[in-house]
Amino acid sequence: MALVGLILQALFLGLAFGLRTYLHRRRTGTTGFRVGARRGAAEAVGAGGITVAAVASLVATGLALAGVLGPIDLFDHDVLRWFGAAMAVAGLLLVLAAQANMGASWRIGVDQAEVTDLVTAGLFSVTRNPIFLGMLIFWLGMAGLVPNVLSIVAFVVALFAVEAQVRFVEEPYLIRTHGAAYMAYASRTGRLLPGLGRIRRDGVRARVGQEQ
């Protein structure tokens, strides 16, 4: 099963980052990467943590395949591995679908001076962050498929990093950029899971005023 995991890791990195970057560059003339050296602490934690999680998950899979790092006994079950593989596939498909849903607005990282269209349709009508949700599902699935200490740590790091990136980098940027339109959207759509993390409507005007 570790070989299956390695194949899924290659597909995840190749399709969600490599192919998407290539297609975005062909469409817009830019790679979509907005992660640079001039970052605040929140973005360093968010983007840096997501990178660490991706590398750790890949290394955990490689070590499992090499027989260097064995599974945790409590999670060492074939049913869990197959369920994890299914979750990883579902997470990857969700990431790819959400990236396509974003179209020309797709970015990795945030350029505070840039303005892109606010995407609220399709998958974004169910969750404000379907790409991050898909990534978390993928890494949780990998932790089930390759249930060693490092793969579980990778998922935990990813969870905290995504929360930091979304709450302290992307949401403040979207509030400044799109104001009441984003706040109204956020009041009816969950942050990651549907219905959870919505912003209360009676706080819309106050928060927009604070951010402007």
C-alpha atoms as a PDB file:
ATOM      1  CA  MET A   1       0.000   0.000   0.000  1.00  0.00           C
ATOM      2  CA  ALA A   2       2.930   2.348   0.508  1.00  0.00           C
ATOM      3  CA  LEU A   3       3.548   2.162  -3.250  1.00  0.00           C
ATOM      4  CA  VAL A   4      -0.048   3.267  -3.833  1.00  0.00           C
ATOM      5  CA  GLY A   5       0.628   6.124  -1.455  1.00  0.00           C
ATOM      6  CA  LEU A   6       3.732   7.168  -3.359  1.00  0.00           C
ATOM      7  CA  ILE A   7       1.782   7.159  -6.630  1.00  0.00           C
ATOM      8  CA  LEU A   8      -0.927   9.315  -5.044  1.00  0.00           C
ATOM      9  CA  GLN A   9       1.699  11.710  -3.700  1.00  0.00           C
ATOM     10  CA  ALA A  10       3.201  12.051  -7.179  1.00  0.00           C
ATOM     11  CA  LEU A  11      -0.237  12.686  -8.690  1.00  0.00           C
ATOM     12  CA  PHE A  12      -1.057  15.254  -6.014  1.00  0.00           C
ATOM     13  CA  LEU A  13       2.133  17.247  -6.488  1.00  0.00           C
ATOM     14  CA  GLY A  14       2.195  16.833 -10.253  1.00  0.00           C
ATOM     15  CA  LEU A  15      -1.448  17.697 -10.948  1.00  0.00           C
ATOM     16  CA  ALA A  16      -2.368  20.132  -8.170  1.00  0.00           C
ATOM     17  CA  PHE A  17       0.838  22.151  -8.432  1.00  0.00           C
ATOM     18  CA  GLY A  18       2.768  21.277 -11.578  1.00  0.00           C
ATOM     19  CA  LEU A  19      -0.033  20.918 -14.133  1.00  0.00           C
ATOM     20  CA  ARG A  20      -2.174  23.651 -12.580  1.00  0.00           C
ATOM     21  CA  THR A  21       0.752  26.090 -12.683  1.00  0.00           C
ATOM     22  CA  TYR A  22       1.436  25.222 -16.324  1.00  0.00           C
ATOM     23  CA  LEU A  23      -2.206  25.666 -17.345  1.00  0.00           C
ATOM     24  CA  HIS A  24      -2.524  28.900 -15.399  1.00  0.00           C
ATOM     25  CA  ARG A  25       0.584  30.317 -17.039  1.00  0.00           C
ATOM     26  CA  ARG A  26      -0.753  29.434 -20.484  1.00  0.00           C
ATOM     27  CA  ARG A  27      -4.056  31.111 -19.675  1.00  0.00           C
ATOM     28  CA  THR A  28      -2.878  34.232 -17.860  1.00  0.00           C
ATOM     29  CA  GLY A  29       0.834  34.617 -18.559  1.00  0.00           C
ATOM     30  CA  THR A  30       1.742  34.212 -14.875  1.00  0.00           C
ATOM     31  CA  THR A  31       2.368  31.159 -12.705  1.00  0.00           C
ATOM     32  CA  GLY A  32      -0.102  32.200 -10.007  1.00  0.00           C
ATOM     33  CA  PHE A  33       2.566  31.957  -7.301  1.00  0.00           C
ATOM     34  CA  ARG A  34       2.439  34.894  -4.916  1.00  0.00           C
ATOM     35  CA  VAL A  35       4.635  33.506  -2.148  1.00  0.00           C
ATOM     36  CA  GLY A  36       7.727  35.681  -1.829  1.00  0.00           C
ATOM     37  CA  ALA A  37      10.394  36.700   0.617  1.00  0.00           C
ATOM     38  CA  ARG A  38       8.433  39.686   1.957  1.00  0.00           C
ATOM     39  CA  ARG A  39       5.991  37.823   4.190  1.00  0.00           C
ATOM     40  CA  GLY A  40       4.480  38.517   7.548  1.00  0.00           C
ATOM     41  CA  ALA A  41       4.610  36.105  10.451  1.00  0.00           C
ATOM     42  CA  ALA A  42       1.154  34.688   9.724  1.00  0.00           C
ATOM     43  CA  GLU A  43       1.979  33.909   6.099  1.00  0.00           C
ATOM     44  CA  ALA A  44       5.316  32.412   7.123  1.00  0.00           C
ATOM     45  CA  VAL A  45       3.468  30.069   9.486  1.00  0.00           C
ATOM     46  CA  GLY A  46       0.699  29.337   7.005  1.00  0.00           C
ATOM     47  CA  ALA A  47       2.555  28.894   3.721  1.00  0.00           C
ATOM     48  CA  GLY A  48       5.648  27.519   5.454  1.00  0.00           C
ATOM     49  CA  GLY A  49       3.614  25.016   7.453  1.00  0.00           C
ATOM     50  CA  ILE A  50       1.752  23.803   4.377  1.00  0.00           C
ATOM     51  CA  THR A  51       5.073  23.267   2.595  1.00  0.00           C
ATOM     52  CA  VAL A  52       6.480  21.388   5.593  1.00  0.00           C
ATOM     53  CA  ALA A  53       3.345  19.213   5.727  1.00  0.00           C
ATOM     54  CA  ALA A  54       3.592  18.343   2.020  1.00  0.00           C
ATOM     55  CA  VAL A  55       7.260  17.398   2.328  1.00  0.00           C
ATOM     56  CA  ALA A  56       6.709  15.457   5.563  1.00  0.00           C
ATOM     57  CA  SER A  57       3.826  13.476   4.057  1.00  0.00           C
ATOM     58  CA  LEU A  58       5.923  12.605   1.008  1.00  0.00           C
ATOM     59  CA  VAL A  59       8.907  11.584   3.156  1.00  0.00           C
ATOM     60  CA  ALA A  60       6.651   9.521   5.441  1.00  0.00           C
ATOM     61  CA  THR A  61       5.403   7.613   2.400  1.00  0.00           C
ATOM     62  CA  GLY A  62       8.908   7.069   1.066  1.00  0.00           C
ATOM     63  CA  LEU A  63      10.184   5.824   4.436  1.00  0.00           C
ATOM     64  CA  ALA A  64       7.239   3.447   4.705  1.00  0.00           C
ATOM     65  CA  LEU A  65       7.933   2.059   1.240  1.00  0.00           C
ATOM     66  CA  ALA A  66      11.603   1.581   2.137  1.00  0.00           C
ATOM     67  CA  GLY A  67      10.641  -0.203   5.353  1.00  0.00           C
ATOM     68  CA  VAL A  68      12.484   2.352   7.467  1.00  0.00           C
ATOM     69  CA  LEU A  69       9.458   3.745   9.315  1.00  0.00           C
ATOM     70  CA  GLY A  70       6.763   1.290  10.307  1.00  0.00           C
ATOM     71  CA  PRO A  71       3.083   1.904  11.053  1.00  0.00           C
ATOM     72  CA  ILE A  72       1.616   2.683  14.458  1.00  0.00           C
ATOM     73  CA  ASP A  73       0.131  -0.578  15.750  1.00  0.00           C
ATOM     74  CA  LEU A  74      -3.199   0.999  16.690  1.00  0.00           C
ATOM     75  CA  PHE A  75      -3.807   2.110  13.080  1.00  0.00           C
ATOM     76  CA  ASP A  76      -2.188  -0.845  11.327  1.00  0.00           C
ATOM     77  CA  HIS A  77      -5.292  -2.212   9.562  1.00  0.00           C
ATOM     78  CA  ASP A  78      -5.983  -2.890   5.880  1.00  0.00           C
ATOM     79  CA  VAL A  79      -9.472  -1.410   6.113  1.00  0.00           C
ATOM     80  CA  LEU A  80      -8.019   1.877   7.351  1.00  0.00           C
ATOM     81  CA  ARG A  81      -5.450   1.847   4.549  1.00  0.00           C
ATOM     82  CA  TRP A  82      -8.062   1.375   1.841  1.00  0.00           C
ATOM     83  CA  PHE A  83     -10.279   4.011   3.431  1.00  0.00           C
ATOM     84  CA  GLY A  84      -7.284   6.344   3.568  1.00  0.00           C
ATOM     85  CA  ALA A  85      -6.554   5.710  -0.110  1.00  0.00           C
ATOM     86  CA  ALA A  86     -10.160   6.557  -0.991  1.00  0.00           C
ATOM     87  CA  MET A  87      -9.967   9.755   1.075  1.00  0.00           C
ATOM     88  CA  ALA A  88      -6.709  10.766  -0.596  1.00  0.00           C
ATOM     89  CA  VAL A  89      -8.235  10.298  -4.054  1.00  0.00           C
ATOM     90  CA  ALA A  90     -11.326  12.266  -3.012  1.00  0.00           C
ATOM     91  CA  GLY A  91      -9.165  15.058  -1.604  1.00  0.00           C
ATOM     92  CA  LEU A  92      -7.095  15.262  -4.783  1.00  0.00           C
ATOM     93  CA  LEU A  93     -10.210  15.400  -6.977  1.00  0.00           C
ATOM     94  CA  LEU A  94     -11.666  18.129  -4.769  1.00  0.00           C
ATOM     95  CA  VAL A  95      -8.478  20.191  -5.071  1.00  0.00           C
ATOM     96  CA  LEU A  96      -8.414  19.857  -8.863  1.00  0.00           C
ATOM     97  CA  ALA A  97     -12.108  20.692  -9.223  1.00  0.00           C
ATOM     98  CA  ALA A  98     -11.805  23.733  -6.940  1.00  0.00           C
ATOM     99  CA  GLN A  99      -8.744  24.999  -8.801  1.00  0.00           C
ATOM    100  CA  ALA A 100     -10.641  24.765 -12.083  1.00  0.00           C
ATOM    101  CA  ASN A 101     -13.589  26.507 -10.389  1.00  0.00           C
ATOM    102  CA  MET A 102     -11.335  29.459  -9.506  1.00  0.00           C
ATOM    103  CA  GLY A 103     -10.238  29.958 -13.098  1.00  0.00           C
ATOM    104  CA  ALA A 104      -8.005  32.996 -13.583  1.00  0.00           C
ATOM    105  CA  SER A 105      -8.382  33.944  -9.901  1.00  0.00           C
ATOM    106  CA  TRP A 106      -6.344  30.917  -8.750  1.00  0.00           C
ATOM    107  CA  ARG A 107      -3.285  31.877  -6.736  1.00  0.00           C
ATOM    108  CA  ILE A 108      -0.783  30.296  -4.352  1.00  0.00           C
ATOM    109  CA  GLY A 109      -0.180  32.877  -1.676  1.00  0.00           C
ATOM    110  CA  VAL A 110      -1.427  36.469  -1.488  1.00  0.00           C
ATOM    111  CA  ASP A 111      -0.247  39.649  -3.177  1.00  0.00           C
ATOM    112  CA  GLN A 112      -1.732  42.387  -1.004  1.00  0.00           C
ATOM    113  CA  ALA A 113      -1.727  44.851  -3.909  1.00  0.00           C
ATOM    114  CA  GLU A 114      -3.473  42.531  -6.359  1.00  0.00           C
ATOM    115  CA  VAL A 115      -7.223  42.398  -6.973  1.00  0.00           C
ATOM    116  CA  THR A 116      -8.842  39.261  -8.393  1.00  0.00           C
ATOM    117  CA  ASP A 117     -12.492  38.351  -8.872  1.00  0.00           C
ATOM    118  CA  LEU A 118     -14.294  37.007  -5.809  1.00  0.00           C
ATOM    119  CA  VAL A 119     -15.335  33.437  -6.629  1.00  0.00           C
ATOM    120  CA  THR A 120     -18.512  32.368  -4.818  1.00  0.00           C
ATOM    121  CA  ALA A 121     -20.132  29.892  -7.228  1.00  0.00           C
ATOM    122  CA  GLY A 122     -19.731  26.139  -7.657  1.00  0.00           C
ATOM    123  CA  LEU A 123     -17.755  24.487  -4.889  1.00  0.00           C
ATOM    124  CA  PHE A 124     -17.189  27.914  -3.362  1.00  0.00           C
ATOM    125  CA  SER A 125     -20.897  28.151  -2.604  1.00  0.00           C
ATOM    126  CA  VAL A 126     -20.488  25.203  -0.226  1.00  0.00           C
ATOM    127  CA  THR A 127     -17.178  26.120   1.432  1.00  0.00           C
ATOM    128  CA  ARG A 128     -15.076  29.270   1.188  1.00  0.00           C
ATOM    129  CA  ASN A 129     -11.879  27.222   0.945  1.00  0.00           C
ATOM    130  CA  PRO A 130     -12.492  24.027  -1.051  1.00  0.00           C
ATOM    131  CA  ILE A 131      -8.845  23.809  -2.155  1.00  0.00           C
ATOM    132  CA  PHE A 132      -7.562  23.835   1.415  1.00  0.00           C
ATOM    133  CA  LEU A 133     -10.321  21.422   2.433  1.00  0.00           C
ATOM    134  CA  GLY A 134      -9.271  19.040  -0.351  1.00  0.00           C
ATOM    135  CA  MET A 135      -5.639  19.280   0.729  1.00  0.00           C
ATOM    136  CA  LEU A 136      -6.528  18.429   4.320  1.00  0.00           C
ATOM    137  CA  ILE A 137      -8.654  15.485   3.172  1.00  0.00           C
ATOM    138  CA  PHE A 138      -5.739  14.293   1.037  1.00  0.00           C
ATOM    139  CA  TRP A 139      -3.229  14.429   3.881  1.00  0.00           C
ATOM    140  CA  LEU A 140      -5.666  12.839   6.332  1.00  0.00           C
ATOM    141  CA  GLY A 141      -6.168  10.062   3.811  1.00  0.00           C
ATOM    142  CA  MET A 142      -2.410   9.635   3.490  1.00  0.00           C
ATOM    143  CA  ALA A 143      -2.161   9.339   7.275  1.00  0.00           C
ATOM    144  CA  GLY A 144      -4.634   6.460   7.060  1.00  0.00           C
ATOM    145  CA  LEU A 145      -2.951   4.861   4.046  1.00  0.00           C
ATOM    146  CA  VAL A 146       0.537   5.174   5.557  1.00  0.00           C
ATOM    147  CA  PRO A 147      -0.217   5.328   9.301  1.00  0.00           C
ATOM    148  CA  ASN A 148       3.186   6.155  10.718  1.00  0.00           C
ATOM    149  CA  VAL A 149       4.151   8.925  13.116  1.00  0.00           C
ATOM    150  CA  LEU A 150       5.459  11.276  10.433  1.00  0.00           C
ATOM    151  CA  SER A 151       2.356  11.100   8.246  1.00  0.00           C
ATOM    152  CA  ILE A 152       0.131  11.895  11.231  1.00  0.00           C
ATOM    153  CA  VAL A 153       2.392  14.787  12.228  1.00  0.00           C
ATOM    154  CA  ALA A 154       2.185  16.038   8.629  1.00  0.00           C
ATOM    155  CA  PHE A 155      -1.613  16.186   8.814  1.00  0.00           C
ATOM    156  CA  VAL A 156      -1.584  17.981  12.174  1.00  0.00           C
ATOM    157  CA  VAL A 157       0.926  20.543  10.875  1.00  0.00           C
ATOM    158  CA  ALA A 158      -1.210  21.025   7.752  1.00  0.00           C
ATOM    159  CA  LEU A 159      -4.338  21.607   9.837  1.00  0.00           C
ATOM    160  CA  PHE A 160      -2.742  24.336  11.944  1.00  0.00           C
ATOM    161  CA  ALA A 161      -1.005  25.891   8.910  1.00  0.00           C
ATOM    162  CA  VAL A 162      -4.225  26.049   6.879  1.00  0.00           C
ATOM    163  CA  GLU A 163      -6.058  27.662   9.785  1.00  0.00           C
ATOM    164  CA  ALA A 164      -3.297  30.281  10.105  1.00  0.00           C
ATOM    165  CA  GLN A 165      -3.228  30.987   6.369  1.00  0.00           C
ATOM    166  CA  VAL A 166      -6.983  31.263   6.044  1.00  0.00           C
ATOM    167  CA  ARG A 167      -7.774  33.216   9.207  1.00  0.00           C
ATOM    168  CA  PHE A 168      -4.829  35.604   9.388  1.00  0.00           C
ATOM    169  CA  VAL A 169      -3.688  36.045   5.776  1.00  0.00           C
ATOM    170  CA  GLU A 170      -6.400  35.365   3.240  1.00  0.00           C
ATOM    171  CA  GLU A 171      -9.530  36.481   5.078  1.00  0.00           C
ATOM    172  CA  PRO A 172      -8.098  39.907   6.068  1.00  0.00           C
ATOM    173  CA  TYR A 173      -6.939  40.391   2.464  1.00  0.00           C
ATOM    174  CA  LEU A 174     -10.364  39.464   1.073  1.00  0.00           C
ATOM    175  CA  ILE A 175     -12.118  41.764   3.527  1.00  0.00           C
ATOM    176  CA  ARG A 176      -9.888  44.692   2.520  1.00  0.00           C
ATOM    177  CA  THR A 177     -10.243  43.907  -1.169  1.00  0.00           C
ATOM    178  CA  HIS A 178     -13.923  42.994  -1.486  1.00  0.00           C
ATOM    179  CA  GLY A 179     -15.407  44.550   1.648  1.00  0.00           C
ATOM    180  CA  ALA A 180     -19.105  43.956   2.226  1.00  0.00           C
ATOM    181  CA  ALA A 181     -19.394  41.568  -0.743  1.00  0.00           C
ATOM    182  CA  TYR A 182     -16.967  39.148   0.883  1.00  0.00           C
ATOM    183  CA  MET A 183     -18.483  39.574   4.337  1.00  0.00           C
ATOM    184  CA  ALA A 184     -21.963  38.810   3.005  1.00  0.00           C
ATOM    185  CA  TYR A 185     -20.571  35.730   1.276  1.00  0.00           C
ATOM    186  CA  ALA A 186     -18.738  34.662   4.434  1.00  0.00           C
ATOM    187  CA  SER A 187     -21.921  35.071   6.476  1.00  0.00           C
ATOM    188  CA  ARG A 188     -23.676  32.339   4.496  1.00  0.00           C
ATOM    189  CA  THR A 189     -20.768  30.013   3.602  1.00  0.00           C
ATOM    190  CA  GLY A 190     -18.594  27.981   5.977  1.00  0.00           C
ATOM    191  CA  ARG A 191     -14.850  28.549   6.234  1.00  0.00           C
ATOM    192  CA  LEU A 192     -13.854  24.930   5.560  1.00  0.00           C
ATOM    193  CA  LEU A 193     -16.779  22.662   6.418  1.00  0.00           C
ATOM    194  CA  PRO A 194     -20.266  23.678   5.241  1.00  0.00           C
ATOM    195  CA  GLY A 195     -22.046  25.750   7.867  1.00  0.00           C
ATOM    196  CA  LEU A 196     -19.041  26.099  10.170  1.00  0.00           C
ATOM    197  CA  GLY A 197     -16.938  29.244  10.506  1.00  0.00           C
ATOM    198  CA  ARG A 198     -19.495  31.587   8.985  1.00  0.00           C
ATOM    199  CA  ILE A 199     -19.293  35.286   9.858  1.00  0.00           C
ATOM    200  CA  ARG A 200     -22.397  36.645  11.529  1.00  0.00           C
ATOM    201  CA  ARG A 201     -24.335  39.148   9.433  1.00  0.00           C
ATOM    202  CA  ASP A 202     -24.605  41.623  12.293  1.00  0.00           C
ATOM    203  CA  GLY A 203     -20.797  41.823  12.334  1.00  0.00           C
ATOM    204  CA  VAL A 204     -20.424  42.621   8.634  1.00  0.00           C
ATOM    205  CA  ARG A 205     -20.421  46.413   8.815  1.00  0.00           C
ATOM    206  CA  ALA A 206     -18.243  46.505  11.917  1.00  0.00           C
ATOM    207  CA  ARG A 207     -15.568  44.236  10.483  1.00  0.00           C
ATOM    208  CA  VAL A 208     -15.515  45.985   7.110  1.00  0.00           C
ATOM    209  CA  GLY A 209     -15.039  49.288   8.896  1.00  0.00           C
ATOM    210  CA  GLN A 210     -12.181  47.903  10.965  1.00  0.00           C
ATOM    211  CA  GLU A 211     -10.378  46.510   7.919  1.00  0.00           C
ATOM    212  CA  GLN A 212     -10.700  49.643   5.760  1.00  0.00           C
END
